[in-house]
PDB file of N, CA and C in Angstrom:
ATOM      1  N   MET A   1     166.576  69.856  65.519  1.00  0.00           N
ATOM      2  CA  MET A   1     166.909  71.101  64.871  1.00  0.00           C
ATOM      3  C   MET A   1     166.405  72.270  65.705  1.00  0.00           C
ATOM      4  N   GLU A   2     167.236  73.215  65.915  1.00  0.00           N
ATOM      5  CA  GLU A   2     166.933  74.389  66.724  1.00  0.00           C
ATOM      6  C   GLU A   2     165.950  75.295  65.987  1.00  0.00           C
ATOM      7  N   THR A   3     165.024  75.880  66.758  1.00  0.00           N
ATOM      8  CA  THR A   3     164.065  76.807  66.144  1.00  0.00           C
ATOM      9  C   THR A   3     164.006  78.088  66.955  1.00  0.00           C
ATOM     10  N   GLY A   4     165.099  78.805  67.013  1.00  0.00           N
ATOM     11  CA  GLY A   4     165.143  80.070  67.735  1.00  0.00           C
ATOM     12  C   GLY A   4     164.657  81.194  66.841  1.00  0.00           C
ATOM     13  N   ASN A   5     165.132  82.388  67.102  1.00  0.00           N
ATOM     14  CA  ASN A   5     164.752  83.550  66.308  1.00  0.00           C
ATOM     15  C   ASN A   5     165.666  83.743  65.100  1.00  0.00           C
ATOM     16  N   ARG A   6     166.448  82.743  64.769  1.00  0.00           N
ATOM     17  CA  ARG A   6     167.364  82.861  63.645  1.00  0.00           C
ATOM     18  C   ARG A   6     166.587  82.870  62.338  1.00  0.00           C
ATOM     19  N   GLU A   7     167.155  83.520  61.367  1.00  0.00           N
ATOM     20  CA  GLU A   7     166.515  83.631  60.058  1.00  0.00           C
ATOM     21  C   GLU A   7     166.504  82.275  59.359  1.00  0.00           C
ATOM     22  N   LYS A   8     165.403  81.976  58.716  1.00  0.00           N
ATOM     23  CA  LYS A   8     165.292  80.715  57.985  1.00  0.00           C
ATOM     24  C   LYS A   8     165.995  80.844  56.643  1.00  0.00           C
ATOM     25  N   ARG A   9     166.601  79.743  56.234  1.00  0.00           N
ATOM     26  CA  ARG A   9     167.317  79.732  54.961  1.00  0.00           C
ATOM     27  C   ARG A   9     167.231  78.331  54.358  1.00  0.00           C
ATOM     28  N   PRO A  10     167.355  78.243  53.051  1.00  0.00           N
ATOM     29  CA  PRO A  10     167.266  76.934  52.401  1.00  0.00           C
ATOM     30  C   PRO A  10     168.583  76.167  52.502  1.00  0.00           C
ATOM     31  N   ILE A  11     168.457  74.859  52.562  1.00  0.00           N
ATOM     32  CA  ILE A  11     169.628  73.980  52.528  1.00  0.00           C
ATOM     33  C   ILE A  11     169.274  72.799  51.638  1.00  0.00           C
ATOM     34  N   ARG A  12     170.203  72.404  50.819  1.00  0.00           N
ATOM     35  CA  ARG A  12     169.970  71.333  49.853  1.00  0.00           C
ATOM     36  C   ARG A  12     170.560  70.035  50.395  1.00  0.00           C
ATOM     37  N   VAL A  13     169.746  68.968  50.377  1.00  0.00           N
ATOM     38  CA  VAL A  13     170.192  67.652  50.827  1.00  0.00           C
ATOM     39  C   VAL A  13     169.821  66.620  49.771  1.00  0.00           C
ATOM     40  N   THR A  14     170.495  65.495  49.810  1.00  0.00           N
ATOM     41  CA  THR A  14     170.171  64.396  48.912  1.00  0.00           C
ATOM     42  C   THR A  14     169.888  63.158  49.747  1.00  0.00           C
ATOM     43  N   ILE A  15     168.724  62.583  49.520  1.00  0.00           N
ATOM     44  CA  ILE A  15     168.307  61.366  50.206  1.00  0.00           C
ATOM     45  C   ILE A  15     167.782  60.415  49.144  1.00  0.00           C
ATOM     46  N   ALA A  16     168.306  59.201  49.130  1.00  0.00           N
ATOM     47  CA  ALA A  16     167.884  58.173  48.168  1.00  0.00           C
ATOM     48  C   ALA A  16     168.000  58.687  46.729  1.00  0.00           C
ATOM     49  N   ASN A  17     169.113  59.331  46.462  1.00  0.00           N
ATOM     50  CA  ASN A  17     169.407  59.862  45.124  1.00  0.00           C
ATOM     51  C   ASN A  17     168.403  60.918  44.656  1.00  0.00           C
ATOM     52  N   GLN A  18     167.711  61.539  45.585  1.00  0.00           N
ATOM     53  CA  GLN A  18     166.771  62.609  45.256  1.00  0.00           C
ATOM     54  C   GLN A  18     167.172  63.856  46.036  1.00  0.00           C
ATOM     55  N   SER A  19     167.183  64.977  45.354  1.00  0.00           N
ATOM     56  CA  SER A  19     167.547  66.237  46.007  1.00  0.00           C
ATOM     57  C   SER A  19     166.310  66.909  46.589  1.00  0.00           C
ATOM     58  N   PHE A  20     166.508  67.490  47.761  1.00  0.00           N
ATOM     59  CA  PHE A  20     165.443  68.222  48.436  1.00  0.00           C
ATOM     60  C   PHE A  20     166.008  69.547  48.924  1.00  0.00           C
ATOM     61  N   THR A  21     165.215  70.577  48.849  1.00  0.00           N
ATOM     62  CA  THR A  21     165.574  71.851  49.448  1.00  0.00           C
ATOM     63  C   THR A  21     164.727  72.011  50.698  1.00  0.00           C
ATOM     64  N   LEU A  22     165.389  72.064  51.835  1.00  0.00           N
ATOM     65  CA  LEU A  22     164.711  72.222  53.114  1.00  0.00           C
ATOM     66  C   LEU A  22     164.934  73.644  53.610  1.00  0.00           C
ATOM     67  N   VAL A  23     164.004  74.150  54.382  1.00  0.00           N
ATOM     68  CA  VAL A  23     164.137  75.476  54.973  1.00  0.00           C
ATOM     69  C   VAL A  23     164.354  75.278  56.468  1.00  0.00           C
ATOM     70  N   THR A  24     165.413  75.872  56.982  1.00  0.00           N
ATOM     71  CA  THR A  24     165.746  75.683  58.380  1.00  0.00           C
ATOM     72  C   THR A  24     166.259  76.973  59.000  1.00  0.00           C
ATOM     73  N   SER A  25     166.058  77.083  60.290  1.00  0.00           N
ATOM     74  CA  SER A  25     166.687  78.163  61.046  1.00  0.00           C
ATOM     75  C   SER A  25     167.731  77.562  61.979  1.00  0.00           C
ATOM     76  N   GLY A  26     167.886  76.245  61.887  1.00  0.00           N
ATOM     77  CA  GLY A  26     168.842  75.549  62.735  1.00  0.00           C
ATOM     78  C   GLY A  26     170.222  75.480  62.113  1.00  0.00           C
ATOM     79  N   ASP A  27     171.019  74.626  62.672  1.00  0.00           N
ATOM     80  CA  ASP A  27     172.396  74.421  62.246  1.00  0.00           C
ATOM     81  C   ASP A  27     172.413  73.589  60.958  1.00  0.00           C
ATOM     82  N   ASP A  28     173.017  74.123  59.905  1.00  0.00           N
ATOM     83  CA  ASP A  28     173.089  73.417  58.624  1.00  0.00           C
ATOM     84  C   ASP A  28     173.724  72.042  58.786  1.00  0.00           C
ATOM     85  N   ARG A  29     174.754  71.948  59.618  1.00  0.00           N
ATOM     86  CA  ARG A  29     175.441  70.662  59.815  1.00  0.00           C
ATOM     87  C   ARG A  29     174.500  69.617  60.398  1.00  0.00           C
ATOM     88  N   GLU A  30     173.626  70.028  61.313  1.00  0.00           N
ATOM     89  CA  GLU A  30     172.664  69.085  61.888  1.00  0.00           C
ATOM     90  C   GLU A  30     171.700  68.572  60.822  1.00  0.00           C
ATOM     91  N   VAL A  31     171.217  69.479  59.995  1.00  0.00           N
ATOM     92  CA  VAL A  31     170.294  69.097  58.928  1.00  0.00           C
ATOM     93  C   VAL A  31     170.983  68.132  57.979  1.00  0.00           C
ATOM     94  N   LEU A  32     172.208  68.447  57.589  1.00  0.00           N
ATOM     95  CA  LEU A  32     172.960  67.571  56.694  1.00  0.00           C
ATOM     96  C   LEU A  32     173.226  66.213  57.336  1.00  0.00           C
ATOM     97  N   GLU A  33     173.537  66.212  58.612  1.00  0.00           N
ATOM     98  CA  GLU A  33     173.789  64.961  59.330  1.00  0.00           C
ATOM     99  C   GLU A  33     172.527  64.101  59.393  1.00  0.00           C
ATOM    100  N   LEU A  34     171.397  64.732  59.695  1.00  0.00           N
ATOM    101  CA  LEU A  34     170.137  63.985  59.730  1.00  0.00           C
ATOM    102  C   LEU A  34     169.790  63.423  58.360  1.00  0.00           C
ATOM    103  N   ALA A  35     169.967  64.230  57.329  1.00  0.00           N
ATOM    104  CA  ALA A  35     169.688  63.763  55.968  1.00  0.00           C
ATOM    105  C   ALA A  35     170.604  62.597  55.616  1.00  0.00           C
ATOM    106  N   ASN A  36     171.864  62.675  56.018  1.00  0.00           N
ATOM    107  CA  ASN A  36     172.814  61.596  55.764  1.00  0.00           C
ATOM    108  C   ASN A  36     172.400  60.318  56.499  1.00  0.00           C
ATOM    109  N   GLN A  37     171.951  60.452  57.739  1.00  0.00           N
ATOM    110  CA  GLN A  37     171.496  59.287  58.501  1.00  0.00           C
ATOM    111  C   GLN A  37     170.287  58.635  57.841  1.00  0.00           C
ATOM    112  N   ILE A  38     169.353  59.452  57.353  1.00  0.00           N
ATOM    113  CA  ILE A  38     168.178  58.906  56.666  1.00  0.00           C
ATOM    114  C   ILE A  38     168.603  58.230  55.370  1.00  0.00           C
ATOM    115  N   ASP A  39     169.515  58.856  54.639  1.00  0.00           N
ATOM    116  CA  ASP A  39     170.010  58.274  53.395  1.00  0.00           C
ATOM    117  C   ASP A  39     170.658  56.920  53.661  1.00  0.00           C
ATOM    118  N   GLU A  40     171.478  56.827  54.701  1.00  0.00           N
ATOM    119  CA  GLU A  40     172.124  55.567  55.054  1.00  0.00           C
ATOM    120  C   GLU A  40     171.108  54.519  55.480  1.00  0.00           C
ATOM    121  N   LEU A  41     170.093  54.936  56.226  1.00  0.00           N
ATOM    122  CA  LEU A  41     169.045  54.006  56.648  1.00  0.00           C
ATOM    123  C   LEU A  41     168.316  53.438  55.436  1.00  0.00           C
ATOM    124  N   ILE A  42     167.925  54.303  54.526  1.00  0.00           N
ATOM    125  CA  ILE A  42     167.213  53.860  53.321  1.00  0.00           C
ATOM    126  C   ILE A  42     168.113  52.962  52.474  1.00  0.00           C
ATOM    127  N   ALA A  43     169.389  53.315  52.353  1.00  0.00           N
ATOM    128  CA  ALA A  43     170.320  52.487  51.582  1.00  0.00           C
ATOM    129  C   ALA A  43     170.464  51.103  52.214  1.00  0.00           C
ATOM    130  N   GLY A  44     170.506  51.055  53.533  1.00  0.00           N
ATOM    131  CA  GLY A  44     170.599  49.774  54.239  1.00  0.00           C
ATOM    132  C   GLY A  44     169.367  48.917  54.023  1.00  0.00           C
ATOM    133  N   ILE A  45     168.204  49.542  54.057  1.00  0.00           N
ATOM    134  CA  ILE A  45     166.951  48.815  53.811  1.00  0.00           C
ATOM    135  C   ILE A  45     166.921  48.334  52.366  1.00  0.00           C
ATOM    136  N   ALA A  46     167.341  49.199  51.447  1.00  0.00           N
ATOM    137  CA  ALA A  46     167.348  48.843  50.014  1.00  0.00           C
ATOM    138  C   ALA A  46     168.261  47.654  49.746  1.00  0.00           C
ATOM    139  N   ALA A  47     169.381  47.591  50.460  1.00  0.00           N
ATOM    140  CA  ALA A  47     170.326  46.488  50.265  1.00  0.00           C
ATOM    141  C   ALA A  47     169.730  45.150  50.690  1.00  0.00           C
ATOM    142  N   ARG A  48     168.771  45.181  51.614  1.00  0.00           N
ATOM    143  CA  ARG A  48     168.143  43.951  52.098  1.00  0.00           C
ATOM    144  C   ARG A  48     166.815  43.659  51.420  1.00  0.00           C
ATOM    145  N   SER A  49     166.336  44.580  50.598  1.00  0.00           N
ATOM    146  CA  SER A  49     165.026  44.431  49.956  1.00  0.00           C
ATOM    147  C   SER A  49     165.217  44.266  48.451  1.00  0.00           C
ATOM    148  N   SER A  50     164.499  43.326  47.918  1.00  0.00           N
ATOM    149  CA  SER A  50     164.570  43.177  46.465  1.00  0.00           C
ATOM    150  C   SER A  50     163.449  43.984  45.829  1.00  0.00           C
ATOM    151  N   ASN A  51     163.744  44.614  44.738  1.00  0.00           N
ATOM    152  CA  ASN A  51     162.826  45.426  43.914  1.00  0.00           C
ATOM    153  C   ASN A  51     161.898  46.357  44.694  1.00  0.00           C
ATOM    154  N   ALA A  52     162.405  47.029  45.731  1.00  0.00           N
ATOM    155  CA  ALA A  52     161.601  47.986  46.490  1.00  0.00           C
ATOM    156  C   ALA A  52     161.757  49.375  45.871  1.00  0.00           C
ATOM    157  N   ASP A  53     160.634  50.043  45.644  1.00  0.00           N
ATOM    158  CA  ASP A  53     160.708  51.399  45.096  1.00  0.00           C
ATOM    159  C   ASP A  53     160.978  52.402  46.215  1.00  0.00           C
ATOM    160  N   THR A  54     161.261  53.618  45.829  1.00  0.00           N
ATOM    161  CA  THR A  54     161.651  54.649  46.791  1.00  0.00           C
ATOM    162  C   THR A  54     160.566  54.908  47.831  1.00  0.00           C
ATOM    163  N   ALA A  55     159.313  54.928  47.410  1.00  0.00           N
ATOM    164  CA  ALA A  55     158.223  55.176  48.364  1.00  0.00           C
ATOM    165  C   ALA A  55     158.160  54.065  49.405  1.00  0.00           C
ATOM    166  N   ARG A  56     158.303  52.834  48.963  1.00  0.00           N
ATOM    167  CA  ARG A  56     158.276  51.695  49.897  1.00  0.00           C
ATOM    168  C   ARG A  56     159.463  51.783  50.865  1.00  0.00           C
ATOM    169  N   LEU A  57     160.635  52.120  50.345  1.00  0.00           N
ATOM    170  CA  LEU A  57     161.810  52.264  51.205  1.00  0.00           C
ATOM    171  C   LEU A  57     161.604  53.369  52.233  1.00  0.00           C
ATOM    172  N   ALA A  58     161.007  54.468  51.805  1.00  0.00           N
ATOM    173  CA  ALA A  58     160.748  55.581  52.725  1.00  0.00           C
ATOM    174  C   ALA A  58     159.774  55.164  53.821  1.00  0.00           C
ATOM    175  N   ILE A  59     158.750  54.406  53.458  1.00  0.00           N
ATOM    176  CA  ILE A  59     157.781  53.940  54.456  1.00  0.00           C
ATOM    177  C   ILE A  59     158.449  52.992  55.444  1.00  0.00           C
ATOM    178  N   LEU A  60     159.285  52.084  54.949  1.00  0.00           N
ATOM    179  CA  LEU A  60     159.996  51.167  55.839  1.00  0.00           C
ATOM    180  C   LEU A  60     160.944  51.929  56.763  1.00  0.00           C
ATOM    181  N   ALA A  61     161.594  52.967  56.232  1.00  0.00           N
ATOM    182  CA  ALA A  61     162.463  53.794  57.069  1.00  0.00           C
ATOM    183  C   ALA A  61     161.648  54.513  58.142  1.00  0.00           C
ATOM    184  N   CYS A  62     160.484  55.018  57.769  1.00  0.00           N
ATOM    185  CA  CYS A  62     159.604  55.684  58.747  1.00  0.00           C
ATOM    186  C   CYS A  62     159.175  54.713  59.846  1.00  0.00           C
ATOM    187  N   LEU A  63     158.820  53.497  59.470  1.00  0.00           N
ATOM    188  CA  LEU A  63     158.430  52.493  60.464  1.00  0.00           C
ATOM    189  C   LEU A  63     159.591  52.181  61.407  1.00  0.00           C
ATOM    190  N   HIS A  64     160.782  52.070  60.842  1.00  0.00           N
ATOM    191  CA  HIS A  64     161.963  51.819  61.660  1.00  0.00           C
ATOM    192  C   HIS A  64     162.182  52.964  62.661  1.00  0.00           C
ATOM    193  N   LEU A  65     162.091  54.197  62.171  1.00  0.00           N
ATOM    194  CA  LEU A  65     162.284  55.360  63.046  1.00  0.00           C
ATOM    195  C   LEU A  65     161.173  55.480  64.082  1.00  0.00           C
ATOM    196  N   ALA A  66     159.938  55.144  63.692  1.00  0.00           N
ATOM    197  CA  ALA A  66     158.822  55.177  64.645  1.00  0.00           C
ATOM    198  C   ALA A  66     159.043  54.152  65.759  1.00  0.00           C
ATOM    199  N   ASP A  67     159.561  52.989  65.395  1.00  0.00           N
ATOM    200  CA  ASP A  67     159.861  51.957  66.390  1.00  0.00           C
ATOM    201  C   ASP A  67     160.958  52.436  67.338  1.00  0.00           C
ATOM    202  N   ARG A  68     162.010  53.052  66.786  1.00  0.00           N
ATOM    203  CA  ARG A  68     163.086  53.590  67.627  1.00  0.00           C
ATOM    204  C   ARG A  68     162.558  54.675  68.559  1.00  0.00           C
ATOM    205  N   LEU A  69     161.681  55.530  68.043  1.00  0.00           N
ATOM    206  CA  LEU A  69     161.099  56.597  68.861  1.00  0.00           C
ATOM    207  C   LEU A  69     160.275  56.009  69.999  1.00  0.00           C
ATOM    208  N   ARG A  70     159.437  55.019  69.687  1.00  0.00           N
ATOM    209  CA  ARG A  70     158.606  54.407  70.729  1.00  0.00           C
ATOM    210  C   ARG A  70     159.477  53.761  71.799  1.00  0.00           C
ATOM    211  N   THR A  71     160.516  53.051  71.381  1.00  0.00           N
ATOM    212  CA  THR A  71     161.429  52.419  72.336  1.00  0.00           C
ATOM    213  C   THR A  71     162.087  53.470  73.222  1.00  0.00           C
ATOM    214  N   THR A  72     162.542  54.553  72.632  1.00  0.00           N
ATOM    215  CA  THR A  72     163.177  55.632  73.393  1.00  0.00           C
ATOM    216  C   THR A  72     162.192  56.262  74.372  1.00  0.00           C
ATOM    217  N   GLU A  73     160.953  56.471  73.926  1.00  0.00           N
ATOM    218  CA  GLU A  73     159.934  57.040  74.811  1.00  0.00           C
ATOM    219  C   GLU A  73     159.645  56.106  75.978  1.00  0.00           C
ATOM    220  N   GLN A  74     159.601  54.797  75.726  1.00  0.00           N
ATOM    221  CA  GLN A  74     159.371  53.830  76.800  1.00  0.00           C
ATOM    222  C   GLN A  74     160.529  53.831  77.793  1.00  0.00           C
ATOM    223  N   GLU A  75     161.757  53.904  77.271  1.00  0.00           N
ATOM    224  CA  GLU A  75     162.928  53.969  78.150  1.00  0.00           C
ATOM    225  C   GLU A  75     162.911  55.245  78.979  1.00  0.00           C
ATOM    226  N   LEU A  76     162.556  56.365  78.377  1.00  0.00           N
ATOM    227  CA  LEU A  76     162.479  57.635  79.090  1.00  0.00           C
ATOM    228  C   LEU A  76     161.413  57.574  80.186  1.00  0.00           C
ATOM    229  N   LYS A  77     160.271  56.977  79.892  1.00  0.00           N
ATOM    230  CA  LYS A  77     159.209  56.842  80.892  1.00  0.00           C
ATOM    231  C   LYS A  77     159.690  55.993  82.063  1.00  0.00           C
ATOM    232  N   ALA A  78     160.393  54.906  81.770  1.00  0.00           N
ATOM    233  CA  ALA A  78     160.919  54.047  82.833  1.00  0.00           C
ATOM    234  C   ALA A  78     161.907  54.812  83.706  1.00  0.00           C
ATOM    235  N   ILE A  79     162.756  55.626  83.095  1.00  0.00           N
ATOM    236  CA  ILE A  79     163.716  56.430  83.859  1.00  0.00           C
ATOM    237  C   ILE A  79     162.976  57.442  84.724  1.00  0.00           C
ATOM    238  N   ARG A  80     161.979  58.109  84.148  1.00  0.00           N
ATOM    239  CA  ARG A  80     161.199  59.082  84.932  1.00  0.00           C
ATOM    240  C   ARG A  80     160.507  58.408  86.104  1.00  0.00           C
ATOM    241  N   ASP A  81     159.936  57.221  85.868  1.00  0.00           N
ATOM    242  CA  ASP A  81     159.265  56.493  86.947  1.00  0.00           C
ATOM    243  C   ASP A  81     160.240  56.155  88.068  1.00  0.00           C
ATOM    244  N   ARG A  82     161.463  55.716  87.702  1.00  0.00           N
ATOM    245  CA  ARG A  82     162.469  55.395  88.722  1.00  0.00           C
ATOM    246  C   ARG A  82     162.876  56.645  89.493  1.00  0.00           C
ATOM    247  N   VAL A  83     163.043  57.760  88.801  1.00  0.00           N
ATOM    248  CA  VAL A  83     163.419  59.014  89.466  1.00  0.00           C
ATOM    249  C   VAL A  83     162.305  59.445  90.421  1.00  0.00           C
ATOM    250  N   GLU A  84     161.063  59.366  89.977  1.00  0.00           N
ATOM    251  CA  GLU A  84     159.942  59.746  90.842  1.00  0.00           C
ATOM    252  C   GLU A  84     159.859  58.827  92.059  1.00  0.00           C
ATOM    253  N   GLN A  85     160.084  57.534  91.846  1.00  0.00           N
ATOM    254  CA  GLN A  85     160.038  56.579  92.960  1.00  0.00           C
ATOM    255  C   GLN A  85     161.146  56.908  93.971  1.00  0.00           C
ATOM    256  N   ARG A  86     162.335  57.179  93.482  1.00  0.00           N
ATOM    257  CA  ARG A  86     163.430  57.515  94.396  1.00  0.00           C
ATOM    258  C   ARG A  86     163.192  58.850  95.084  1.00  0.00           C
ATOM    259  N   ALA A  87     162.621  59.802  94.360  1.00  0.00           N
ATOM    260  CA  ALA A  87     162.332  61.106  94.969  1.00  0.00           C
ATOM    261  C   ALA A  87     161.330  60.925  96.118  1.00  0.00           C
ATOM    262  N   ARG A  88     160.305  60.079  95.894  1.00  0.00           N
ATOM    263  CA  ARG A  88     159.335  59.812  96.975  1.00  0.00           C
ATOM    264  C   ARG A  88     160.025  59.133  98.162  1.00  0.00           C
ATOM    265  N   HIS A  89     160.925  58.198  97.847  1.00  0.00           N
ATOM    266  CA  HIS A  89     161.653  57.501  98.911  1.00  0.00           C
ATOM    267  C   HIS A  89     162.496  58.496  99.717  1.00  0.00           C
ATOM    268  N   PHE A  90     163.241  59.355  99.020  1.00  0.00           N
ATOM    269  CA  PHE A  90     164.074  60.334  99.707  1.00  0.00           C
ATOM    270  C   PHE A  90     163.233  61.349 100.470  1.00  0.00           C
ATOM    271  N   GLN A  91     162.069  61.699  99.917  1.00  0.00           N
ATOM    272  CA  GLN A  91     161.181  62.612 100.628  1.00  0.00           C
ATOM    273  C   GLN A  91     160.698  61.973 101.924  1.00  0.00           C
ATOM    274  N   GLY A  92     160.413  60.675 101.874  1.00  0.00           N
ATOM    275  CA  GLY A  92     160.017  59.956 103.084  1.00  0.00           C
ATOM    276  C   GLY A  92     161.129  59.942 104.107  1.00  0.00           C
ATOM    277  N   LEU A  93     162.364  59.700 103.653  1.00  0.00           N
ATOM    278  CA  LEU A  93     163.496  59.722 104.571  1.00  0.00           C
ATOM    279  C   LEU A  93     163.692  61.106 105.176  1.00  0.00           C
ATOM    280  N   LEU A  94     163.566  62.123 104.356  1.00  0.00           N
ATOM    281  CA  LEU A  94     163.702  63.498 104.827  1.00  0.00           C
ATOM    282  C   LEU A  94     162.616  63.827 105.837  1.00  0.00           C
ATOM    283  N   ASP A  95     161.398  63.390 105.569  1.00  0.00           N
ATOM    284  CA  ASP A  95     160.295  63.629 106.504  1.00  0.00           C
ATOM    285  C   ASP A  95     160.587  62.958 107.850  1.00  0.00           C
ATOM    286  N   GLN A  96     161.152  61.745 107.816  1.00  0.00           N
ATOM    287  CA  GLN A  96     161.476  61.037 109.056  1.00  0.00           C
ATOM    288  C   GLN A  96     162.539  61.807 109.861  1.00  0.00           C
ATOM    289  N   VAL A  97     163.542  62.318 109.169  1.00  0.00           N
ATOM    290  CA  VAL A  97     164.605  63.056 109.824  1.00  0.00           C
ATOM    291  C   VAL A  97     164.074  64.342 110.433  1.00  0.00           C
ATOM    292  N   MET A  98     163.144  64.984 109.740  1.00  0.00           N
ATOM    293  CA  MET A  98     162.605  66.269 110.203  1.00  0.00           C
ATOM    294  C   MET A  98     161.656  66.096 111.374  1.00  0.00           C
ATOM    295  N   GLU A  99     161.143  64.920 111.612  1.00  0.00           N
ATOM    296  CA  GLU A  99     160.185  64.723 112.731  1.00  0.00           C
ATOM    297  C   GLU A  99     160.835  64.685 114.053  1.00  0.00           C
TER     298      GLU A  99
END
């Protein structure tokens, strides 16, 4: 969600059959899309879980998202490491050419 100098305004979303009023300065569509994704995630977890209450479903959704975030961060680190390794390699080649 964007946080520029735009004025903050409330937006109403529904997640797990509960309404929330969020305050955002970002794009309303993005907020609605994120809320919809969370709602779908919780609904998917609920479909596989027997007698899970909303708090438990929310915690399981948070764990799922935390796992996705960690995986993405690890992938990003691997990409950065490869870019740095190649940059060092190209710098070495450039140094050889300049000598």
